[in-house]
Amino acid sequence: MAEALMLAYEAALSFYFSRKGSARGCFVIGTAVAEAVEDAEIRKSVAAGLRMLDGDFEARFRTARDRGELKQDADPEALALLASATMHTIAIRARAGARRADLREIAHKAVTVICGSPSASH
């Protein structure tokens, strides 16, 4: 599970840093969230997208738990919220000028917290 989660973060980083110059981060987190305050349609779309991301992470954590990749008492919903929050902070920090290597380190630390240390028994 840890490898799959890190691959998700690596994919996001590849997108955020795909252009020359400043990292663009994520449109939803960087721009749409600000516009959602005043625009109900954007707010609805952003909320749906966030629920979808949370749901996708939750489904994957549930599968990982069922396969024994996570502890049996793992809470897929809570882990999904942490995984999503990490994705959001990476996007925000990318747009704020953080280095890709620093963001990768944040992702690694989050994966360790979310999935447990590599040496922890599951």
Protein backbone atom coordinates (compact mmCIF):
# COMPACT_ATOMS: atom_id res chain seq x y z
CA MET A 1 0.00 0.00 0.00
CA ALA A 2 2.81 2.41 0.84
CA GLU A 3 4.26 2.02 -2.65
CA ALA A 4 0.89 2.70 -4.30
CA LEU A 5 0.31 5.80 -2.18
CA MET A 6 3.78 7.14 -2.94
CA LEU A 7 3.14 6.55 -6.64
CA ALA A 8 0.00 8.70 -6.36
CA TYR A 9 2.02 11.50 -4.79
CA GLU A 10 4.77 11.12 -7.40
CA ALA A 11 2.15 11.41 -10.15
CA ALA A 12 0.83 14.60 -8.59
CA LEU A 13 4.34 16.02 -8.30
CA SER A 14 5.01 15.19 -11.96
CA PHE A 15 1.92 17.16 -12.91
CA TYR A 16 2.65 20.08 -10.57
CA PHE A 17 6.20 20.39 -11.92
CA SER A 18 5.50 19.59 -15.57
CA ARG A 19 6.23 23.10 -16.86
CA LYS A 20 9.42 25.09 -16.91
CA GLY A 21 9.49 27.87 -14.36
CA SER A 22 7.30 27.94 -11.30
CA ALA A 23 5.37 24.88 -10.24
CA ARG A 24 1.72 25.23 -10.98
CA GLY A 25 0.34 23.09 -8.18
CA CYS A 26 -3.27 22.05 -8.53
CA PHE A 27 -5.95 24.17 -10.21
CA VAL A 28 -8.65 23.00 -7.81
CA ILE A 29 -6.65 23.66 -4.66
CA GLY A 30 -4.88 26.75 -5.99
CA THR A 31 -7.65 28.55 -7.82
CA ALA A 32 -11.06 26.92 -7.71
CA VAL A 33 -11.17 26.80 -3.90
CA ALA A 34 -10.75 30.59 -3.78
CA GLU A 35 -13.51 31.08 -6.33
CA ALA A 36 -15.84 28.63 -4.56
CA VAL A 37 -16.48 31.16 -1.81
CA GLU A 38 -18.48 33.37 -4.18
CA ASP A 39 -19.72 30.88 -6.78
CA ALA A 40 -22.11 28.11 -5.76
CA GLU A 41 -21.54 26.10 -8.94
CA ILE A 42 -17.78 26.09 -8.46
CA ARG A 43 -18.26 25.28 -4.77
CA LYS A 44 -20.44 22.30 -5.69
CA SER A 45 -17.92 21.08 -8.25
CA VAL A 46 -14.96 21.45 -5.86
CA ALA A 47 -16.82 19.64 -3.09
CA ALA A 48 -17.70 16.79 -5.46
CA GLY A 49 -14.09 16.50 -6.60
CA LEU A 50 -12.81 16.42 -3.03
CA ARG A 51 -15.36 13.75 -2.11
CA MET A 52 -14.28 11.72 -5.13
CA LEU A 53 -10.60 11.89 -4.14
CA ASP A 54 -11.45 10.93 -0.56
CA GLY A 55 -13.65 8.09 -1.80
CA ASP A 56 -11.00 6.74 -4.15
CA PHE A 57 -8.38 6.78 -1.40
CA GLU A 58 -10.84 5.19 1.05
CA ALA A 59 -11.68 2.37 -1.35
CA ARG A 60 -7.99 1.65 -1.89
CA PHE A 61 -7.26 1.68 1.85
CA ARG A 62 -10.22 -0.63 2.46
CA THR A 63 -8.87 -3.05 -0.15
CA ALA A 64 -5.38 -2.84 1.37
CA ARG A 65 -6.76 -3.58 4.82
CA ASP A 66 -8.76 -6.54 3.49
CA ARG A 67 -5.62 -7.89 1.77
CA GLY A 68 -3.58 -7.59 4.97
CA GLU A 69 -1.45 -4.71 3.66
CA LEU A 70 -2.64 -2.57 6.59
CA LYS A 71 -3.48 -3.42 10.17
CA GLN A 72 -6.95 -4.94 10.57
CA ASP A 73 -8.00 -2.09 12.86
CA ALA A 74 -6.98 0.55 10.28
CA ASP A 75 -9.68 3.14 9.60
CA PRO A 76 -9.88 3.54 5.78
CA GLU A 77 -11.94 6.74 6.05
CA ALA A 78 -9.48 8.43 8.40
CA LEU A 79 -6.50 7.28 6.32
CA ALA A 80 -8.18 8.61 3.17
CA LEU A 81 -8.66 12.03 4.75
CA LEU A 82 -4.98 12.12 5.74
CA ALA A 83 -3.91 11.00 2.27
CA SER A 84 -6.09 13.69 0.66
CA ALA A 85 -4.82 16.36 3.07
CA THR A 86 -1.26 15.43 2.12
CA MET A 87 -2.12 15.77 -1.57
CA HIS A 88 -3.57 19.22 -0.87
CA THR A 89 -0.57 20.43 1.11
CA ILE A 90 1.78 19.25 -1.62
CA ALA A 91 -0.23 21.25 -4.17
CA ILE A 92 -0.28 24.38 -2.01
CA ARG A 93 3.41 24.18 -1.18
CA ALA A 94 4.31 23.55 -4.84
CA ARG A 95 2.54 26.72 -5.86
CA ALA A 96 4.19 28.57 -2.96
CA GLY A 97 7.61 27.69 -4.35
CA ALA A 98 8.68 24.59 -2.42
CA ARG A 99 11.28 22.43 -4.07
CA ARG A 100 10.15 19.15 -5.56
CA ALA A 101 12.63 17.23 -3.37
CA ASP A 102 11.18 18.82 -0.24
CA LEU A 103 7.64 17.93 -1.32
CA ARG A 104 8.72 14.37 -2.04
CA GLU A 105 10.08 14.20 1.51
CA ILE A 106 6.74 15.41 2.90
CA ALA A 107 5.04 12.69 0.88
CA HIS A 108 7.43 10.02 2.19
CA LYS A 109 6.80 11.10 5.77
CA ALA A 110 3.04 11.08 5.23
CA VAL A 111 3.17 7.60 3.70
CA THR A 112 5.07 6.35 6.74
CA VAL A 113 2.47 7.82 9.10
CA ILE A 114 -0.51 6.68 7.04
CA CYS A 115 0.68 3.18 6.16
CA GLY A 116 2.96 2.52 9.10
CA SER A 117 6.71 2.17 9.11
CA PRO A 118 8.14 -0.45 6.75
CA SER A 119 9.22 -2.56 9.72
CA ALA A 120 5.85 -2.39 11.52
CA SER A 121 3.89 -5.62 11.56
CA HIS A 122 0.52 -5.51 9.85
